[in-house]
Amino acid sequence: EFEDRGRCRRGYFVDSLGGAQFSTTDVVDR
């Protein structure tokens, strides 16, 4: 729900941990 509202983002940020990873825009930019 946060992702739908733009409050967080989902992606493959850490290898081998699957796609169910969530973070914020600031952390993704870092």
ModelCIF file with pLDDT and N, C-alpha, C, O atoms, coordinates in Angstrom:
data_MODEL
#
_entry.id   MODEL 
#
_entity.id                         1 
_entity.type                       polymer 
_entity.pdbx_number_of_molecules   1 
#
_entity_poly.entity_id                      1 
_entity_poly.type                           'polypeptide(L)' 
_entity_poly.nstd_linkage                   no 
_entity_poly.nstd_monomer                   no 
_entity_poly.pdbx_seq_one_letter_code       EFEDRGRCRRGYFVDSLGGAQFSTTDVVDR 
_entity_poly.pdbx_seq_one_letter_code_can   EFEDRGRCRRGYFVDSLGGAQFSTTDVVDR 
_entity_poly.pdbx_strand_id                 A 
#
loop_
_entity_poly_seq.entity_id 
_entity_poly_seq.num 
_entity_poly_seq.mon_id 
_entity_poly_seq.hetero 
1 1  GLU n 
1 2  PHE n 
1 3  GLU n 
1 4  ASP n 
1 5  ARG n 
1 6  GLY n 
1 7  ARG n 
1 8  CYS n 
1 9  ARG n 
1 10 ARG n 
1 11 GLY n 
1 12 TYR n 
1 13 PHE n 
1 14 VAL n 
1 15 ASP n 
1 16 SER n 
1 17 LEU n 
1 18 GLY n 
1 19 GLY n 
1 20 ALA n 
1 21 GLN n 
1 22 PHE n 
1 23 SER n 
1 24 THR n 
1 25 THR n 
1 26 ASP n 
1 27 VAL n 
1 28 VAL n 
1 29 ASP n 
1 30 ARG n 
#
_struct_asym.id          A 
_struct_asym.entity_id   1 
#
loop_
_ma_qa_metric.id 
_ma_qa_metric.mode 
_ma_qa_metric.name 
_ma_qa_metric.software_group_id 
_ma_qa_metric.type 
1 global pLDDT . pLDDT 
2 local  pLDDT . pLDDT 
#
_ma_qa_metric_global.metric_id      1 
_ma_qa_metric_global.metric_value   91.40 
_ma_qa_metric_global.model_id       1 
_ma_qa_metric_global.ordinal_id     1 
#
loop_
_ma_qa_metric_local.label_asym_id 
_ma_qa_metric_local.label_comp_id 
_ma_qa_metric_local.label_seq_id 
_ma_qa_metric_local.metric_id 
_ma_qa_metric_local.metric_value 
_ma_qa_metric_local.model_id 
_ma_qa_metric_local.ordinal_id 
A GLU 1  2 96.00 1 1  
A PHE 2  2 96.00 1 2  
A GLU 3  2 95.00 1 3  
A ASP 4  2 95.00 1 4  
A ARG 5  2 94.00 1 5  
A GLY 6  2 93.00 1 6  
A ARG 7  2 93.00 1 7  
A CYS 8  2 95.00 1 8  
A ARG 9  2 95.00 1 9  
A ARG 10 2 95.00 1 10 
A GLY 11 2 92.00 1 11 
A TYR 12 2 91.00 1 12 
A PHE 13 2 89.00 1 13 
A VAL 14 2 84.00 1 14 
A ASP 15 2 83.00 1 15 
A SER 16 2 82.00 1 16 
A LEU 17 2 84.00 1 17 
A GLY 18 2 86.00 1 18 
A GLY 19 2 87.00 1 19 
A ALA 20 2 91.00 1 20 
A GLN 21 2 93.00 1 21 
A PHE 22 2 96.00 1 22 
A SER 23 2 95.00 1 23 
A THR 24 2 94.00 1 24 
A THR 25 2 92.00 1 25 
A ASP 26 2 93.00 1 26 
A VAL 27 2 92.00 1 27 
A VAL 28 2 91.00 1 28 
A ASP 29 2 91.00 1 29 
A ARG 30 2 89.00 1 30 
#
loop_
_atom_site.group_PDB 
_atom_site.id 
_atom_site.type_symbol 
_atom_site.label_atom_id 
_atom_site.label_alt_id 
_atom_site.label_comp_id 
_atom_site.label_asym_id 
_atom_site.label_entity_id 
_atom_site.label_seq_id 
_atom_site.pdbx_PDB_ins_code 
_atom_site.Cartn_x 
_atom_site.Cartn_y 
_atom_site.Cartn_z 
_atom_site.occupancy 
_atom_site.B_iso_or_equiv 
_atom_site.pdbx_formal_charge 
_atom_site.auth_seq_id 
_atom_site.auth_comp_id 
_atom_site.auth_asym_id 
_atom_site.auth_atom_id 
_atom_site.pdbx_PDB_model_num 
ATOM 1   N N  . GLU A 1 1  ? 0.836  -1.205  0.000  1.00 96.00 ? 1  GLU A N  1 
ATOM 2   C CA . GLU A 1 1  ? 0.000  0.000   0.000  1.00 96.00 ? 1  GLU A CA 1 
ATOM 3   C C  . GLU A 1 1  ? 0.873  1.259   0.000  1.00 96.00 ? 1  GLU A C  1 
ATOM 4   O O  . GLU A 1 1  ? 0.574  2.233   -0.690 1.00 96.00 ? 1  GLU A O  1 
ATOM 5   N N  . PHE A 1 2  ? 1.967  1.223   0.793  1.00 96.00 ? 2  PHE A N  1 
ATOM 6   C CA . PHE A 1 2  ? 2.909  2.347   0.786  1.00 96.00 ? 2  PHE A CA 1 
ATOM 7   C C  . PHE A 1 2  ? 3.461  2.578   -0.616 1.00 96.00 ? 2  PHE A C  1 
ATOM 8   O O  . PHE A 1 2  ? 3.579  3.717   -1.068 1.00 96.00 ? 2  PHE A O  1 
ATOM 9   N N  . GLU A 1 3  ? 3.800  1.474   -1.302 1.00 95.00 ? 3  GLU A N  1 
ATOM 10  C CA . GLU A 1 3  ? 4.350  1.594   -2.651 1.00 95.00 ? 3  GLU A CA 1 
ATOM 11  C C  . GLU A 1 3  ? 3.333  2.242   -3.591 1.00 95.00 ? 3  GLU A C  1 
ATOM 12  O O  . GLU A 1 3  ? 3.689  3.107   -4.391 1.00 95.00 ? 3  GLU A O  1 
ATOM 13  N N  . ASP A 1 4  ? 2.091  1.832   -3.497 1.00 95.00 ? 4  ASP A N  1 
ATOM 14  C CA . ASP A 1 4  ? 1.046  2.411   -4.347 1.00 95.00 ? 4  ASP A CA 1 
ATOM 15  C C  . ASP A 1 4  ? 0.892  3.908   -4.110 1.00 95.00 ? 4  ASP A C  1 
ATOM 16  O O  . ASP A 1 4  ? 0.560  4.663   -5.024 1.00 95.00 ? 4  ASP A O  1 
ATOM 17  N N  . ARG A 1 5  ? 1.138  4.326   -2.869 1.00 94.00 ? 5  ARG A N  1 
ATOM 18  C CA . ARG A 1 5  ? 0.992  5.745   -2.531 1.00 94.00 ? 5  ARG A CA 1 
ATOM 19  C C  . ARG A 1 5  ? 2.281  6.529   -2.719 1.00 94.00 ? 5  ARG A C  1 
ATOM 20  O O  . ARG A 1 5  ? 2.302  7.741   -2.507 1.00 94.00 ? 5  ARG A O  1 
ATOM 21  N N  . GLY A 1 6  ? 3.362  5.853   -3.114 1.00 93.00 ? 6  GLY A N  1 
ATOM 22  C CA . GLY A 1 6  ? 4.627  6.541   -3.317 1.00 93.00 ? 6  GLY A CA 1 
ATOM 23  C C  . GLY A 1 6  ? 5.424  6.764   -2.054 1.00 93.00 ? 6  GLY A C  1 
ATOM 24  O O  . GLY A 1 6  ? 6.370  7.551   -2.054 1.00 93.00 ? 6  GLY A O  1 
ATOM 25  N N  . ARG A 1 7  ? 5.057  6.079   -0.961 1.00 93.00 ? 7  ARG A N  1 
ATOM 26  C CA . ARG A 1 7  ? 5.774  6.254   0.308  1.00 93.00 ? 7  ARG A CA 1 
ATOM 27  C C  . ARG A 1 7  ? 6.996  5.367   0.411  1.00 93.00 ? 7  ARG A C  1 
ATOM 28  O O  . ARG A 1 7  ? 7.866  5.623   1.242  1.00 93.00 ? 7  ARG A O  1 
ATOM 29  N N  . CYS A 1 8  ? 7.089  4.335   -0.405 1.00 95.00 ? 8  CYS A N  1 
ATOM 30  C CA . CYS A 1 8  ? 8.278  3.491   -0.440 1.00 95.00 ? 8  CYS A CA 1 
ATOM 31  C C  . CYS A 1 8  ? 8.403  2.889   -1.830 1.00 95.00 ? 8  CYS A C  1 
ATOM 32  O O  . CYS A 1 8  ? 7.527  3.062   -2.677 1.00 95.00 ? 8  CYS A O  1 
ATOM 33  N N  . ARG A 1 9  ? 9.510  2.178   -2.053 1.00 95.00 ? 9  ARG A N  1 
ATOM 34  C CA . ARG A 1 9  ? 9.762  1.559   -3.351 1.00 95.00 ? 9  ARG A CA 1 
ATOM 35  C C  . ARG A 1 9  ? 10.143 0.104   -3.147 1.00 95.00 ? 9  ARG A C  1 
ATOM 36  O O  . ARG A 1 9  ? 10.729 -0.269  -2.131 1.00 95.00 ? 9  ARG A O  1 
ATOM 37  N N  . ARG A 1 10 ? 9.793  -0.717  -4.148 1.00 95.00 ? 10 ARG A N  1 
ATOM 38  C CA . ARG A 1 10 ? 10.110 -2.140  -4.091 1.00 95.00 ? 10 ARG A CA 1 
ATOM 39  C C  . ARG A 1 10 ? 11.088 -2.456  -5.202 1.00 95.00 ? 10 ARG A C  1 
ATOM 40  O O  . ARG A 1 10 ? 10.985 -1.903  -6.297 1.00 95.00 ? 10 ARG A O  1 
ATOM 41  N N  . GLY A 1 11 ? 12.050 -3.352  -4.928 1.00 92.00 ? 11 GLY A N  1 
ATOM 42  C CA . GLY A 1 11 ? 13.009 -3.710  -5.968 1.00 92.00 ? 11 GLY A CA 1 
ATOM 43  C C  . GLY A 1 11 ? 13.989 -4.751  -5.493 1.00 92.00 ? 11 GLY A C  1 
ATOM 44  O O  . GLY A 1 11 ? 13.903 -5.229  -4.362 1.00 92.00 ? 11 GLY A O  1 
ATOM 45  N N  . TYR A 1 12 ? 14.945 -5.112  -6.376 1.00 91.00 ? 12 TYR A N  1 
ATOM 46  C CA . TYR A 1 12 ? 16.006 -6.069  -6.064 1.00 91.00 ? 12 TYR A CA 1 
ATOM 47  C C  . TYR A 1 12 ? 17.224 -5.274  -5.588 1.00 91.00 ? 12 TYR A C  1 
ATOM 48  O O  . TYR A 1 12 ? 18.202 -5.127  -6.321 1.00 91.00 ? 12 TYR A O  1 
ATOM 49  N N  . PHE A 1 13 ? 17.160 -4.777  -4.388 1.00 89.00 ? 13 PHE A N  1 
ATOM 50  C CA . PHE A 1 13 ? 18.231 -3.940  -3.881 1.00 89.00 ? 13 PHE A CA 1 
ATOM 51  C C  . PHE A 1 13 ? 19.418 -4.767  -3.396 1.00 89.00 ? 13 PHE A C  1 
ATOM 52  O O  . PHE A 1 13 ? 20.567 -4.355  -3.553 1.00 89.00 ? 13 PHE A O  1 
ATOM 53  N N  . VAL A 1 14 ? 19.147 -5.929  -2.810 1.00 84.00 ? 14 VAL A N  1 
ATOM 54  C CA . VAL A 1 14 ? 20.198 -6.813  -2.309 1.00 84.00 ? 14 VAL A CA 1 
ATOM 55  C C  . VAL A 1 14 ? 20.109 -8.123  -3.073 1.00 84.00 ? 14 VAL A C  1 
ATOM 56  O O  . VAL A 1 14 ? 19.054 -8.756  -3.113 1.00 84.00 ? 14 VAL A O  1 
ATOM 57  N N  . ASP A 1 15 ? 21.223 -8.528  -3.680 1.00 83.00 ? 15 ASP A N  1 
ATOM 58  C CA . ASP A 1 15 ? 21.240 -9.759  -4.464 1.00 83.00 ? 15 ASP A CA 1 
ATOM 59  C C  . ASP A 1 15 ? 20.842 -10.961 -3.619 1.00 83.00 ? 15 ASP A C  1 
ATOM 60  O O  . ASP A 1 15 ? 21.168 -11.044 -2.435 1.00 83.00 ? 15 ASP A O  1 
ATOM 61  N N  . SER A 1 16 ? 20.139 -11.883 -4.245 1.00 82.00 ? 16 SER A N  1 
ATOM 62  C CA . SER A 1 16 ? 19.779 -13.202 -3.696 1.00 82.00 ? 16 SER A CA 1 
ATOM 63  C C  . SER A 1 16 ? 18.672 -13.141 -2.649 1.00 82.00 ? 16 SER A C  1 
ATOM 64  O O  . SER A 1 16 ? 18.337 -14.173 -2.066 1.00 82.00 ? 16 SER A O  1 
ATOM 65  N N  . LEU A 1 17 ? 18.092 -11.971 -2.390 1.00 84.00 ? 17 LEU A N  1 
ATOM 66  C CA . LEU A 1 17 ? 17.046 -11.880 -1.375 1.00 84.00 ? 17 LEU A CA 1 
ATOM 67  C C  . LEU A 1 17 ? 15.659 -11.724 -1.980 1.00 84.00 ? 17 LEU A C  1 
ATOM 68  O O  . LEU A 1 17 ? 14.714 -11.398 -1.262 1.00 84.00 ? 17 LEU A O  1 
ATOM 69  N N  . GLY A 1 18 ? 15.514 -11.946 -3.268 1.00 86.00 ? 18 GLY A N  1 
ATOM 70  C CA . GLY A 1 18 ? 14.203 -11.916 -3.890 1.00 86.00 ? 18 GLY A CA 1 
ATOM 71  C C  . GLY A 1 18 ? 13.704 -10.504 -4.135 1.00 86.00 ? 18 GLY A C  1 
ATOM 72  O O  . GLY A 1 18 ? 14.387 -9.523  -3.841 1.00 86.00 ? 18 GLY A O  1 
ATOM 73  N N  . GLY A 1 19 ? 12.498 -10.421 -4.679 1.00 87.00 ? 19 GLY A N  1 
ATOM 74  C CA . GLY A 1 19 ? 11.937 -9.132  -5.040 1.00 87.00 ? 19 GLY A CA 1 
ATOM 75  C C  . GLY A 1 19 ? 11.104 -8.475  -3.968 1.00 87.00 ? 19 GLY A C  1 
ATOM 76  O O  . GLY A 1 19 ? 10.659 -7.341  -4.148 1.00 87.00 ? 19 GLY A O  1 
ATOM 77  N N  . ALA A 1 20 ? 10.876 -9.159  -2.844 1.00 91.00 ? 20 ALA A N  1 
ATOM 78  C CA . ALA A 1 20 ? 10.066 -8.588  -1.761 1.00 91.00 ? 20 ALA A CA 1 
ATOM 79  C C  . ALA A 1 20 ? 10.954 -7.756  -0.844 1.00 91.00 ? 20 ALA A C  1 
ATOM 80  O O  . ALA A 1 20 ? 11.061 -8.020  0.353  1.00 91.00 ? 20 ALA A O  1 
ATOM 81  N N  . GLN A 1 21 ? 11.590 -6.740  -1.435 1.00 93.00 ? 21 GLN A N  1 
ATOM 82  C CA . GLN A 1 21 ? 12.433 -5.821  -0.686 1.00 93.00 ? 21 GLN A CA 1 
ATOM 83  C C  . GLN A 1 21 ? 11.861 -4.411  -0.843 1.00 93.00 ? 21 GLN A C  1 
ATOM 84  O O  . GLN A 1 21 ? 11.471 -4.003  -1.937 1.00 93.00 ? 21 GLN A O  1 
ATOM 85  N N  . PHE A 1 22 ? 11.820 -3.681  0.263  1.00 96.00 ? 22 PHE A N  1 
ATOM 86  C CA . PHE A 1 22 ? 11.213 -2.356  0.251  1.00 96.00 ? 22 PHE A CA 1 
ATOM 87  C C  . PHE A 1 22 ? 12.183 -1.345  0.847  1.00 96.00 ? 22 PHE A C  1 
ATOM 88  O O  . PHE A 1 22 ? 12.919 -1.643  1.788  1.00 96.00 ? 22 PHE A O  1 
ATOM 89  N N  . SER A 1 23 ? 12.167 -0.162  0.290  1.00 95.00 ? 23 SER A N  1 
ATOM 90  C CA . SER A 1 23 ? 13.023 0.910   0.786  1.00 95.00 ? 23 SER A CA 1 
ATOM 91  C C  . SER A 1 23 ? 12.382 2.245   0.453  1.00 95.00 ? 23 SER A C  1 
ATOM 92  O O  . SER A 1 23 ? 11.332 2.305   -0.187 1.00 95.00 ? 23 SER A O  1 
ATOM 93  N N  . THR A 1 24 ? 13.024 3.307   0.895  1.00 94.00 ? 24 THR A N  1 
ATOM 94  C CA . THR A 1 24 ? 12.542 4.653   0.593  1.00 94.00 ? 24 THR A CA 1 
ATOM 95  C C  . THR A 1 24 ? 13.373 5.249   -0.534 1.00 94.00 ? 24 THR A C  1 
ATOM 96  O O  . THR A 1 24 ? 14.449 4.744   -0.851 1.00 94.00 ? 24 THR A O  1 
ATOM 97  N N  . THR A 1 25 ? 12.878 6.317   -1.137 1.00 92.00 ? 25 THR A N  1 
ATOM 98  C CA . THR A 1 25 ? 13.578 6.948   -2.261 1.00 92.00 ? 25 THR A CA 1 
ATOM 99  C C  . THR A 1 25 ? 14.954 7.444   -1.844 1.00 92.00 ? 25 THR A C  1 
ATOM 100 O O  . THR A 1 25 ? 15.915 7.308   -2.601 1.00 92.00 ? 25 THR A O  1 
ATOM 101 N N  . ASP A 1 26 ? 15.060 8.015   -0.654 1.00 93.00 ? 26 ASP A N  1 
ATOM 102 C CA . ASP A 1 26 ? 16.352 8.529   -0.194 1.00 93.00 ? 26 ASP A CA 1 
ATOM 103 C C  . ASP A 1 26 ? 17.383 7.416   -0.089 1.00 93.00 ? 26 ASP A C  1 
ATOM 104 O O  . ASP A 1 26 ? 18.534 7.598   -0.485 1.00 93.00 ? 26 ASP A O  1 
ATOM 105 N N  . VAL A 1 27 ? 16.982 6.263   0.443  1.00 92.00 ? 27 VAL A N  1 
ATOM 106 C CA . VAL A 1 27 ? 17.910 5.146   0.591  1.00 92.00 ? 27 VAL A CA 1 
ATOM 107 C C  . VAL A 1 27 ? 18.298 4.595   -0.780 1.00 92.00 ? 27 VAL A C  1 
ATOM 108 O O  . VAL A 1 27 ? 19.464 4.269   -1.005 1.00 92.00 ? 27 VAL A O  1 
ATOM 109 N N  . VAL A 1 28 ? 17.348 4.489   -1.688 1.00 91.00 ? 28 VAL A N  1 
ATOM 110 C CA . VAL A 1 28 ? 17.643 3.996   -3.034 1.00 91.00 ? 28 VAL A CA 1 
ATOM 111 C C  . VAL A 1 28 ? 18.651 4.916   -3.721 1.00 91.00 ? 28 VAL A C  1 
ATOM 112 O O  . VAL A 1 28 ? 19.570 4.442   -4.388 1.00 91.00 ? 28 VAL A O  1 
ATOM 113 N N  . ASP A 1 29 ? 18.483 6.217   -3.561 1.00 91.00 ? 29 ASP A N  1 
ATOM 114 C CA . ASP A 1 29 ? 19.437 7.162   -4.154 1.00 91.00 ? 29 ASP A CA 1 
ATOM 115 C C  . ASP A 1 29 ? 20.831 6.982   -3.563 1.00 91.00 ? 29 ASP A C  1 
ATOM 116 O O  . ASP A 1 29 ? 21.825 7.080   -4.282 1.00 91.00 ? 29 ASP A O  1 
ATOM 117 N N  . ARG A 1 30 ? 20.912 6.718   -2.254 1.00 89.00 ? 30 ARG A N  1 
ATOM 118 C CA . ARG A 1 30 ? 22.212 6.491   -1.623 1.00 89.00 ? 30 ARG A CA 1 
ATOM 119 C C  . ARG A 1 30 ? 22.849 5.208   -2.133 1.00 89.00 ? 30 ARG A C  1 
ATOM 120 O O  . ARG A 1 30 ? 23.950 4.856   -1.710 1.00 89.00 ? 30 ARG A O  1 
#
